[in-house]
Amino acid sequence: MKKGKTSAEIISLGTRLAEKTRTVANQLSDEDRTRLLQRGLQMIYGGRREKKPAHRR
């Protein structure tokens, strides 16, 4: 019978990307964190654009 890999041996792409993001984010100052948060909120909630009509089939 084959043994499956343990969770310690399997490193997914998401895990690797999260590790890289954490290392960058941990070096941010409070001002940088605030600025980036405001930028993200602006992307989510600010400047609603006019909706384009859907293409009819």
PDB file of N, CA and C in Angstrom:
ATOM      1  N   MET A   1       0.833  -1.150   0.000  1.00  0.00           N
ATOM      2  CA  MET A   1       0.000   0.000   0.000  1.00  0.00           C
ATOM      3  C   MET A   1       0.899   1.243   0.000  1.00  0.00           C
ATOM      4  N   LYS A   2       0.517   2.253  -0.831  1.00  0.00           N
ATOM      5  CA  LYS A   2       1.299   3.476  -0.911  1.00  0.00           C
ATOM      6  C   LYS A   2       0.933   4.423   0.229  1.00  0.00           C
ATOM      7  N   LYS A   3       1.957   5.104   0.713  1.00  0.00           N
ATOM      8  CA  LYS A   3       1.722   6.120   1.740  1.00  0.00           C
ATOM      9  C   LYS A   3       1.500   7.462   1.059  1.00  0.00           C
ATOM     10  N   GLY A   4       0.525   8.222   1.544  1.00  0.00           N
ATOM     11  CA  GLY A   4       0.306   9.571   1.032  1.00  0.00           C
ATOM     12  C   GLY A   4       1.316  10.522   1.630  1.00  0.00           C
ATOM     13  N   LYS A   5       1.533  11.613   0.957  1.00  0.00           N
ATOM     14  CA  LYS A   5       2.459  12.613   1.477  1.00  0.00           C
ATOM     15  C   LYS A   5       1.829  13.306   2.671  1.00  0.00           C
ATOM     16  N   THR A   6       2.628  13.602   3.636  1.00  0.00           N
ATOM     17  CA  THR A   6       2.124  14.321   4.799  1.00  0.00           C
ATOM     18  C   THR A   6       1.929  15.783   4.450  1.00  0.00           C
ATOM     19  N   SER A   7       1.172  16.495   5.258  1.00  0.00           N
ATOM     20  CA  SER A   7       0.899  17.895   4.967  1.00  0.00           C
ATOM     21  C   SER A   7       2.162  18.746   5.034  1.00  0.00           C
ATOM     22  N   ALA A   8       3.161  18.302   5.787  1.00  0.00           N
ATOM     23  CA  ALA A   8       4.417  19.039   5.876  1.00  0.00           C
ATOM     24  C   ALA A   8       5.198  18.962   4.566  1.00  0.00           C
ATOM     25  N   GLU A   9       5.012  17.910   3.808  1.00  0.00           N
ATOM     26  CA  GLU A   9       5.735  17.736   2.553  1.00  0.00           C
ATOM     27  C   GLU A   9       5.059  18.461   1.396  1.00  0.00           C
ATOM     28  N   ILE A  10       3.746  18.664   1.490  1.00  0.00           N
ATOM     29  CA  ILE A  10       3.004  19.297   0.403  1.00  0.00           C
ATOM     30  C   ILE A  10       2.946  20.798   0.649  1.00  0.00           C
ATOM     31  N   ILE A  11       3.513  21.557  -0.281  1.00  0.00           N
ATOM     32  CA  ILE A  11       3.456  23.016  -0.200  1.00  0.00           C
ATOM     33  C   ILE A  11       2.792  23.507  -1.478  1.00  0.00           C
ATOM     34  N   SER A  12       1.587  24.045  -1.326  1.00  0.00           N
ATOM     35  CA  SER A  12       0.823  24.481  -2.488  1.00  0.00           C
ATOM     36  C   SER A  12       1.286  25.856  -2.962  1.00  0.00           C
ATOM     37  N   LEU A  13       0.827  26.225  -4.125  1.00  0.00           N
ATOM     38  CA  LEU A  13       1.157  27.530  -4.686  1.00  0.00           C
ATOM     39  C   LEU A  13       0.630  28.635  -3.778  1.00  0.00           C
ATOM     40  N   GLY A  14      -0.574  28.481  -3.255  1.00  0.00           N
ATOM     41  CA  GLY A  14      -1.146  29.482  -2.367  1.00  0.00           C
ATOM     42  C   GLY A  14      -0.318  29.673  -1.109  1.00  0.00           C
ATOM     43  N   THR A  15       0.210  28.594  -0.571  1.00  0.00           N
ATOM     44  CA  THR A  15       1.055  28.681   0.620  1.00  0.00           C
ATOM     45  C   THR A  15       2.329  29.443   0.319  1.00  0.00           C
ATOM     46  N   ARG A  16       2.935  29.167  -0.814  1.00  0.00           N
ATOM     47  CA  ARG A  16       4.160  29.864  -1.187  1.00  0.00           C
ATOM     48  C   ARG A  16       3.910  31.354  -1.418  1.00  0.00           C
ATOM     49  N   LEU A  17       2.792  31.681  -2.088  1.00  0.00           N
ATOM     50  CA  LEU A  17       2.468  33.084  -2.328  1.00  0.00           C
ATOM     51  C   LEU A  17       2.171  33.815  -1.023  1.00  0.00           C
ATOM     52  N   ALA A  18       1.488  33.146  -0.098  1.00  0.00           N
ATOM     53  CA  ALA A  18       1.183  33.760   1.197  1.00  0.00           C
ATOM     54  C   ALA A  18       2.456  34.032   1.980  1.00  0.00           C
ATOM     55  N   GLU A  19       3.418  33.130   1.928  1.00  0.00           N
ATOM     56  CA  GLU A  19       4.689  33.342   2.628  1.00  0.00           C
ATOM     57  C   GLU A  19       5.411  34.567   2.076  1.00  0.00           C
ATOM     58  N   LYS A  20       5.431  34.723   0.747  1.00  0.00           N
ATOM     59  CA  LYS A  20       6.087  35.874   0.137  1.00  0.00           C
ATOM     60  C   LYS A  20       5.366  37.165   0.510  1.00  0.00           C
ATOM     61  N   THR A  21       4.038  37.129   0.488  1.00  0.00           N
ATOM     62  CA  THR A  21       3.253  38.321   0.815  1.00  0.00           C
ATOM     63  C   THR A  21       3.458  38.720   2.270  1.00  0.00           C
ATOM     64  N   ARG A  22       3.497  37.751   3.158  1.00  0.00           N
ATOM     65  CA  ARG A  22       3.706  38.040   4.583  1.00  0.00           C
ATOM     66  C   ARG A  22       5.058  38.698   4.827  1.00  0.00           C
ATOM     67  N   THR A  23       6.104  38.220   4.159  1.00  0.00           N
ATOM     68  CA  THR A  23       7.426  38.806   4.372  1.00  0.00           C
ATOM     69  C   THR A  23       7.455  40.264   3.939  1.00  0.00           C
ATOM     70  N   VAL A  24       6.764  40.588   2.845  1.00  0.00           N
ATOM     71  CA  VAL A  24       6.711  41.981   2.392  1.00  0.00           C
ATOM     72  C   VAL A  24       5.837  42.805   3.339  1.00  0.00           C
ATOM     73  N   ALA A  25       4.680  42.278   3.717  1.00  0.00           N
ATOM     74  CA  ALA A  25       3.742  43.020   4.561  1.00  0.00           C
ATOM     75  C   ALA A  25       4.295  43.263   5.961  1.00  0.00           C
ATOM     76  N   ASN A  26       5.099  42.362   6.473  1.00  0.00           N
ATOM     77  CA  ASN A  26       5.645  42.525   7.815  1.00  0.00           C
ATOM     78  C   ASN A  26       6.642  43.673   7.900  1.00  0.00           C
ATOM     79  N   GLN A  27       7.167  44.106   6.769  1.00  0.00           N
ATOM     80  CA  GLN A  27       8.144  45.191   6.761  1.00  0.00           C
ATOM     81  C   GLN A  27       7.505  46.557   6.551  1.00  0.00           C
ATOM     82  N   LEU A  28       6.170  46.625   6.378  1.00  0.00           N
ATOM     83  CA  LEU A  28       5.486  47.884   6.132  1.00  0.00           C
ATOM     84  C   LEU A  28       5.361  48.706   7.411  1.00  0.00           C
ATOM     85  N   SER A  29       5.438  50.007   7.253  1.00  0.00           N
ATOM     86  CA  SER A  29       5.223  50.902   8.392  1.00  0.00           C
ATOM     87  C   SER A  29       3.721  51.116   8.569  1.00  0.00           C
ATOM     88  N   ASP A  30       3.336  51.728   9.677  1.00  0.00           N
ATOM     89  CA  ASP A  30       1.923  52.011   9.922  1.00  0.00           C
ATOM     90  C   ASP A  30       1.350  52.940   8.857  1.00  0.00           C
ATOM     91  N   GLU A  31       2.125  53.907   8.408  1.00  0.00           N
ATOM     92  CA  GLU A  31       1.671  54.831   7.375  1.00  0.00           C
ATOM     93  C   GLU A  31       1.426  54.095   6.058  1.00  0.00           C
ATOM     94  N   ASP A  32       2.332  53.180   5.721  1.00  0.00           N
ATOM     95  CA  ASP A  32       2.163  52.396   4.499  1.00  0.00           C
ATOM     96  C   ASP A  32       0.926  51.509   4.585  1.00  0.00           C
ATOM     97  N   ARG A  33       0.704  50.894   5.724  1.00  0.00           N
ATOM     98  CA  ARG A  33      -0.478  50.045   5.906  1.00  0.00           C
ATOM     99  C   ARG A  33      -1.756  50.857   5.742  1.00  0.00           C
ATOM    100  N   THR A  34      -1.790  52.050   6.335  1.00  0.00           N
ATOM    101  CA  THR A  34      -2.970  52.911   6.230  1.00  0.00           C
ATOM    102  C   THR A  34      -3.204  53.339   4.789  1.00  0.00           C
ATOM    103  N   ARG A  35      -2.127  53.719   4.105  1.00  0.00           N
ATOM    104  CA  ARG A  35      -2.248  54.155   2.712  1.00  0.00           C
ATOM    105  C   ARG A  35      -2.759  53.024   1.827  1.00  0.00           C
ATOM    106  N   LEU A  36      -2.224  51.832   2.004  1.00  0.00           N
ATOM    107  CA  LEU A  36      -2.645  50.698   1.189  1.00  0.00           C
ATOM    108  C   LEU A  36      -4.078  50.274   1.500  1.00  0.00           C
ATOM    109  N   LEU A  37      -4.487  50.383   2.771  1.00  0.00           N
ATOM    110  CA  LEU A  37      -5.862  50.075   3.139  1.00  0.00           C
ATOM    111  C   LEU A  37      -6.817  51.045   2.459  1.00  0.00           C
ATOM    112  N   GLN A  38      -6.492  52.335   2.492  1.00  0.00           N
ATOM    113  CA  GLN A  38      -7.340  53.339   1.847  1.00  0.00           C
ATOM    114  C   GLN A  38      -7.410  53.113   0.340  1.00  0.00           C
ATOM    115  N   ARG A  39      -6.295  52.736  -0.252  1.00  0.00           N
ATOM    116  CA  ARG A  39      -6.281  52.452  -1.692  1.00  0.00           C
ATOM    117  C   ARG A  39      -7.180  51.257  -2.025  1.00  0.00           C
ATOM    118  N   GLY A  40      -7.112  50.223  -1.195  1.00  0.00           N
ATOM    119  CA  GLY A  40      -7.961  49.054  -1.416  1.00  0.00           C
ATOM    120  C   GLY A  40      -9.433  49.372  -1.243  1.00  0.00           C
ATOM    121  N   LEU A  41      -9.763  50.163  -0.219  1.00  0.00           N
ATOM    122  CA  LEU A  41     -11.160  50.555  -0.011  1.00  0.00           C
ATOM    123  C   LEU A  41     -11.660  51.417  -1.160  1.00  0.00           C
ATOM    124  N   GLN A  42     -10.792  52.268  -1.695  1.00  0.00           N
ATOM    125  CA  GLN A  42     -11.173  53.085  -2.844  1.00  0.00           C
ATOM    126  C   GLN A  42     -11.466  52.206  -4.051  1.00  0.00           C
ATOM    127  N   MET A  43     -10.676  51.154  -4.235  1.00  0.00           N
ATOM    128  CA  MET A  43     -10.902  50.242  -5.355  1.00  0.00           C
ATOM    129  C   MET A  43     -12.228  49.509  -5.192  1.00  0.00           C
ATOM    130  N   ILE A  44     -12.572  49.158  -3.956  1.00  0.00           N
ATOM    131  CA  ILE A  44     -13.783  48.390  -3.717  1.00  0.00           C
ATOM    132  C   ILE A  44     -15.025  49.272  -3.767  1.00  0.00           C
ATOM    133  N   TYR A  45     -15.012  50.392  -3.037  1.00  0.00           N
ATOM    134  CA  TYR A  45     -16.220  51.177  -2.849  1.00  0.00           C
ATOM    135  C   TYR A  45     -16.279  52.478  -3.633  1.00  0.00           C
ATOM    136  N   GLY A  46     -15.157  53.005  -4.025  1.00  0.00           N
ATOM    137  CA  GLY A  46     -15.145  54.326  -4.637  1.00  0.00           C
ATOM    138  C   GLY A  46     -15.309  54.284  -6.144  1.00  0.00           C
ATOM    139  N   GLY A  47     -15.737  55.424  -6.697  1.00  0.00           N
ATOM    140  CA  GLY A  47     -15.768  55.600  -8.140  1.00  0.00           C
ATOM    141  C   GLY A  47     -16.547  54.549  -8.894  1.00  0.00           C
ATOM    142  N   ARG A  48     -17.814  54.403  -8.548  1.00  0.00           N
ATOM    143  CA  ARG A  48     -18.633  53.434  -9.285  1.00  0.00           C
ATOM    144  C   ARG A  48     -18.754  53.874 -10.742  1.00  0.00           C
ATOM    145  N   ARG A  49     -18.391  52.994 -11.638  1.00  0.00           N
ATOM    146  CA  ARG A  49     -18.454  53.306 -13.063  1.00  0.00           C
ATOM    147  C   ARG A  49     -19.811  52.896 -13.614  1.00  0.00           C
ATOM    148  N   GLU A  50     -20.155  53.499 -14.750  1.00  0.00           N
ATOM    149  CA  GLU A  50     -21.413  53.156 -15.386  1.00  0.00           C
ATOM    150  C   GLU A  50     -21.322  51.714 -15.911  1.00  0.00           C
ATOM    151  N   LYS A  51     -22.374  50.959 -15.687  1.00  0.00           N
ATOM    152  CA  LYS A  51     -22.368  49.563 -16.110  1.00  0.00           C
ATOM    153  C   LYS A  51     -22.562  49.476 -17.619  1.00  0.00           C
ATOM    154  N   LYS A  52     -21.846  48.530 -18.215  1.00  0.00           N
ATOM    155  CA  LYS A  52     -22.005  48.282 -19.648  1.00  0.00           C
ATOM    156  C   LYS A  52     -23.140  47.278 -19.823  1.00  0.00           C
ATOM    157  N   PRO A  53     -23.939  47.439 -20.856  1.00  0.00           N
ATOM    158  CA  PRO A  53     -25.009  46.465 -21.080  1.00  0.00           C
ATOM    159  C   PRO A  53     -24.424  45.095 -21.447  1.00  0.00           C
ATOM    160  N   ALA A  54     -25.086  44.052 -21.003  1.00  0.00           N
ATOM    161  CA  ALA A  54     -24.627  42.698 -21.297  1.00  0.00           C
ATOM    162  C   ALA A  54     -24.890  42.358 -22.761  1.00  0.00           C
ATOM    163  N   HIS A  55     -24.025  41.561 -23.310  1.00  0.00           N
ATOM    164  CA  HIS A  55     -24.185  41.131 -24.692  1.00  0.00           C
ATOM    165  C   HIS A  55     -25.304  40.090 -24.769  1.00  0.00           C
ATOM    166  N   ARG A  56     -26.267  40.324 -25.609  1.00  0.00           N
ATOM    167  CA  ARG A  56     -27.377  39.367 -25.775  1.00  0.00           C
ATOM    168  C   ARG A  56     -26.968  38.267 -26.728  1.00  0.00           C
ATOM    169  N   ARG A  57     -27.359  37.070 -26.405  1.00  0.00           N
ATOM    170  CA  ARG A  57     -27.031  35.929 -27.272  1.00  0.00           C
ATOM    171  C   ARG A  57     -28.118  35.676 -28.252  1.00  0.00           C
TER     172      ARG A  57
END
